[in-house]
């Protein structure tokens, strides 16, 4: 079964955007370590 590249890209991009939003929420609540960790995950997913 062939891999649908567009579907894979959409999956990881959606996850990256969700993690970026979560990082912003954590930052607003002054949870700095978790905000940085979540932002790091977002960047990894986007790459």
PDB file of N, CA and C in Angstrom:
ATOM      1  N   UNK A   1       0.847  -1.181   0.000  1.00  0.00           N
ATOM      2  CA  UNK A   1       0.000   0.000   0.000  1.00  0.00           C
ATOM      3  C   UNK A   1       0.897   1.251   0.000  1.00  0.00           C
ATOM      4  N   UNK A   2       0.720   2.121  -0.972  1.00  0.00           N
ATOM      5  CA  UNK A   2       1.572   3.328  -1.050  1.00  0.00           C
ATOM      6  C   UNK A   2       1.228   4.338   0.047  1.00  0.00           C
ATOM      7  N   UNK A   3       2.233   5.092   0.418  1.00  0.00           N
ATOM      8  CA  UNK A   3       2.068   6.117   1.449  1.00  0.00           C
ATOM      9  C   UNK A   3       1.571   7.400   0.787  1.00  0.00           C
ATOM     10  N   UNK A   4       0.529   7.989   1.354  1.00  0.00           N
ATOM     11  CA  UNK A   4       0.004   9.257   0.861  1.00  0.00           C
ATOM     12  C   UNK A   4       0.792  10.386   1.530  1.00  0.00           C
ATOM     13  N   UNK A   5       1.736  10.960   0.788  1.00  0.00           N
ATOM     14  CA  UNK A   5       2.624  11.987   1.333  1.00  0.00           C
ATOM     15  C   UNK A   5       1.833  13.208   1.791  1.00  0.00           C
ATOM     16  N   UNK A   6       0.870  13.642   1.005  1.00  0.00           N
ATOM     17  CA  UNK A   6       0.080  14.831   1.366  1.00  0.00           C
ATOM     18  C   UNK A   6      -0.662  14.609   2.680  1.00  0.00           C
ATOM     19  N   UNK A   7      -1.165  13.401   2.885  1.00  0.00           N
ATOM     20  CA  UNK A   7      -1.865  13.082   4.129  1.00  0.00           C
ATOM     21  C   UNK A   7      -0.902  13.104   5.311  1.00  0.00           C
ATOM     22  N   UNK A   8       0.289  12.595   5.126  1.00  0.00           N
ATOM     23  CA  UNK A   8       1.295  12.606   6.188  1.00  0.00           C
ATOM     24  C   UNK A   8       1.715  14.037   6.543  1.00  0.00           C
ATOM     25  N   UNK A   9       1.921  14.868   5.534  1.00  0.00           N
ATOM     26  CA  UNK A   9       2.295  16.262   5.772  1.00  0.00           C
ATOM     27  C   UNK A   9       1.182  16.986   6.527  1.00  0.00           C
ATOM     28  N   UNK A  10      -0.051  16.765   6.125  1.00  0.00           N
ATOM     29  CA  UNK A  10      -1.184  17.406   6.802  1.00  0.00           C
ATOM     30  C   UNK A  10      -1.276  16.959   8.258  1.00  0.00           C
ATOM     31  N   UNK A  11      -1.029  15.685   8.515  1.00  0.00           N
ATOM     32  CA  UNK A  11      -1.081  15.156   9.875  1.00  0.00           C
ATOM     33  C   UNK A  11      -0.060  15.856  10.772  1.00  0.00           C
ATOM     34  N   UNK A  12       1.196  15.926  10.308  1.00  0.00           N
ATOM     35  CA  UNK A  12       2.251  16.520  11.118  1.00  0.00           C
ATOM     36  C   UNK A  12       2.091  18.034  11.232  1.00  0.00           C
ATOM     37  N   UNK A  13       1.619  18.696  10.176  1.00  0.00           N
ATOM     38  CA  UNK A  13       1.403  20.142  10.222  1.00  0.00           C
ATOM     39  C   UNK A  13       0.300  20.481  11.218  1.00  0.00           C
ATOM     40  N   UNK A  14      -0.779  19.715  11.220  1.00  0.00           N
ATOM     41  CA  UNK A  14      -1.869  19.941  12.167  1.00  0.00           C
ATOM     42  C   UNK A  14      -1.373  19.772  13.606  1.00  0.00           C
ATOM     43  N   UNK A  15      -0.596  18.733  13.844  1.00  0.00           N
ATOM     44  CA  UNK A  15      -0.032  18.515  15.174  1.00  0.00           C
ATOM     45  C   UNK A  15       0.878  19.650  15.601  1.00  0.00           C
ATOM     46  N   UNK A  16       1.666  20.169  14.665  1.00  0.00           N
ATOM     47  CA  UNK A  16       2.576  21.275  14.974  1.00  0.00           C
ATOM     48  C   UNK A  16       1.796  22.531  15.344  1.00  0.00           C
ATOM     49  N   UNK A  17       0.741  22.809  14.610  1.00  0.00           N
ATOM     50  CA  UNK A  17      -0.077  23.993  14.904  1.00  0.00           C
ATOM     51  C   UNK A  17      -0.756  23.853  16.261  1.00  0.00           C
ATOM     52  N   UNK A  18      -1.292  22.674  16.556  1.00  0.00           N
ATOM     53  CA  UNK A  18      -1.928  22.448  17.853  1.00  0.00           C
ATOM     54  C   UNK A  18      -0.932  22.611  18.991  1.00  0.00           C
ATOM     55  N   UNK A  19       0.282  22.094  18.811  1.00  0.00           N
ATOM     56  CA  UNK A  19       1.313  22.225  19.848  1.00  0.00           C
ATOM     57  C   UNK A  19       1.733  23.680  20.027  1.00  0.00           C
ATOM     58  N   UNK A  20       1.781  24.439  18.947  1.00  0.00           N
ATOM     59  CA  UNK A  20       2.149  25.848  19.025  1.00  0.00           C
ATOM     60  C   UNK A  20       1.095  26.638  19.810  1.00  0.00           C
ATOM     61  N   UNK A  21      -0.163  26.346  19.559  1.00  0.00           N
ATOM     62  CA  UNK A  21      -1.249  26.994  20.310  1.00  0.00           C
ATOM     63  C   UNK A  21      -1.158  26.623  21.788  1.00  0.00           C
ATOM     64  N   UNK A  22      -0.905  25.351  22.066  1.00  0.00           N
ATOM     65  CA  UNK A  22      -0.774  24.898  23.451  1.00  0.00           C
ATOM     66  C   UNK A  22       0.404  25.587  24.137  1.00  0.00           C
ATOM     67  N   UNK A  23       1.509  25.761  23.413  1.00  0.00           N
ATOM     68  CA  UNK A  23       2.675  26.445  23.977  1.00  0.00           C
ATOM     69  C   UNK A  23       2.316  27.884  24.342  1.00  0.00           C
ATOM     70  N   UNK A  24       1.560  28.544  23.495  1.00  0.00           N
ATOM     71  CA  UNK A  24       1.123  29.909  23.792  1.00  0.00           C
ATOM     72  C   UNK A  24       0.249  29.972  25.024  1.00  0.00           C
ATOM     73  N   UNK A  25      -0.659  29.015  25.147  1.00  0.00           N
ATOM     74  CA  UNK A  25      -1.526  28.963  26.332  1.00  0.00           C
ATOM     75  C   UNK A  25      -0.711  28.735  27.600  1.00  0.00           C
ATOM     76  N   UNK A  26       0.245  27.823  27.515  1.00  0.00           N
ATOM     77  CA  UNK A  26       1.104  27.555  28.670  1.00  0.00           C
ATOM     78  C   UNK A  26       1.944  28.783  29.036  1.00  0.00           C
ATOM     79  N   UNK A  27       2.413  29.483  28.040  1.00  0.00           N
ATOM     80  CA  UNK A  27       3.196  30.689  28.282  1.00  0.00           C
ATOM     81  C   UNK A  27       2.349  31.759  28.980  1.00  0.00           C
ATOM     82  N   UNK A  28       1.104  31.899  28.525  1.00  0.00           N
ATOM     83  CA  UNK A  28       0.194  32.858  29.167  1.00  0.00           C
ATOM     84  C   UNK A  28      -0.027  32.537  30.644  1.00  0.00           C
ATOM     85  N   UNK A  29       0.002  31.241  30.966  1.00  0.00           N
ATOM     86  CA  UNK A  29      -0.214  30.812  32.351  1.00  0.00           C
ATOM     87  C   UNK A  29       1.094  30.728  33.137  1.00  0.00           C
ATOM     88  N   UNK A  30       2.191  31.181  32.507  1.00  0.00           N
ATOM     89  CA  UNK A  30       3.511  31.253  33.133  1.00  0.00           C
ATOM     90  C   UNK A  30       4.094  29.871  33.472  1.00  0.00           C
ATOM     91  N   UNK A  31       3.739  28.881  32.667  1.00  0.00           N
ATOM     92  CA  UNK A  31       4.329  27.535  32.785  1.00  0.00           C
ATOM     93  C   UNK A  31       5.464  27.469  31.757  1.00  0.00           C
ATOM     94  N   UNK A  32       6.560  28.141  32.078  1.00  0.00           N
ATOM     95  CA  UNK A  32       7.613  28.379  31.108  1.00  0.00           C
ATOM     96  C   UNK A  32       8.289  27.110  30.596  1.00  0.00           C
ATOM     97  N   UNK A  33       8.623  26.189  31.483  1.00  0.00           N
ATOM     98  CA  UNK A  33       9.310  24.965  31.046  1.00  0.00           C
ATOM     99  C   UNK A  33       8.452  24.149  30.088  1.00  0.00           C
ATOM    100  N   UNK A  34       7.192  23.986  30.435  1.00  0.00           N
ATOM    101  CA  UNK A  34       6.309  23.207  29.560  1.00  0.00           C
ATOM    102  C   UNK A  34       6.030  23.946  28.254  1.00  0.00           C
ATOM    103  N   UNK A  35       5.951  25.286  28.326  1.00  0.00           N
ATOM    104  CA  UNK A  35       5.746  26.077  27.105  1.00  0.00           C
ATOM    105  C   UNK A  35       6.929  25.883  26.149  1.00  0.00           C
ATOM    106  N   UNK A  36       8.147  25.933  26.688  1.00  0.00           N
ATOM    107  CA  UNK A  36       9.330  25.733  25.850  1.00  0.00           C
ATOM    108  C   UNK A  36       9.382  24.322  25.278  1.00  0.00           C
ATOM    109  N   UNK A  37       9.046  23.345  26.099  1.00  0.00           N
ATOM    110  CA  UNK A  37       9.054  21.959  25.636  1.00  0.00           C
ATOM    111  C   UNK A  37       8.041  21.755  24.517  1.00  0.00           C
ATOM    112  N   UNK A  38       6.852  22.287  24.704  1.00  0.00           N
ATOM    113  CA  UNK A  38       5.800  22.128  23.704  1.00  0.00           C
ATOM    114  C   UNK A  38       6.142  22.882  22.419  1.00  0.00           C
ATOM    115  N   UNK A  39       6.751  24.063  22.555  1.00  0.00           N
ATOM    116  CA  UNK A  39       7.197  24.800  21.374  1.00  0.00           C
ATOM    117  C   UNK A  39       8.274  24.008  20.625  1.00  0.00           C
ATOM    118  N   UNK A  40       9.158  23.363  21.381  1.00  0.00           N
ATOM    119  CA  UNK A  40      10.194  22.530  20.777  1.00  0.00           C
ATOM    120  C   UNK A  40       9.567  21.387  19.978  1.00  0.00           C
ATOM    121  N   UNK A  41       8.556  20.743  20.535  1.00  0.00           N
ATOM    122  CA  UNK A  41       7.866  19.669  19.818  1.00  0.00           C
ATOM    123  C   UNK A  41       7.231  20.194  18.539  1.00  0.00           C
ATOM    124  N   UNK A  42       6.638  21.374  18.621  1.00  0.00           N
ATOM    125  CA  UNK A  42       5.995  21.978  17.462  1.00  0.00           C
ATOM    126  C   UNK A  42       7.010  22.211  16.339  1.00  0.00           C
ATOM    127  N   UNK A  43       8.171  22.724  16.698  1.00  0.00           N
ATOM    128  CA  UNK A  43       9.212  22.983  15.690  1.00  0.00           C
ATOM    129  C   UNK A  43       9.684  21.675  15.067  1.00  0.00           C
ATOM    130  N   UNK A  44       9.882  20.648  15.880  1.00  0.00           N
ATOM    131  CA  UNK A  44      10.314  19.358  15.353  1.00  0.00           C
ATOM    132  C   UNK A  44       9.291  18.795  14.371  1.00  0.00           C
ATOM    133  N   UNK A  45       8.021  18.901  14.717  1.00  0.00           N
ATOM    134  CA  UNK A  45       6.979  18.377  13.844  1.00  0.00           C
ATOM    135  C   UNK A  45       6.931  19.141  12.527  1.00  0.00           C
ATOM    136  N   UNK A  46       7.143  20.450  12.582  1.00  0.00           N
ATOM    137  CA  UNK A  46       7.085  21.235  11.354  1.00  0.00           C
ATOM    138  C   UNK A  46       8.280  20.932  10.442  1.00  0.00           C
ATOM    139  N   UNK A  47       9.411  20.606  11.057  1.00  0.00           N
ATOM    140  CA  UNK A  47      10.583  20.255  10.232  1.00  0.00           C
ATOM    141  C   UNK A  47      10.403  18.897   9.590  1.00  0.00           C
TER     142      UNK A  47
END
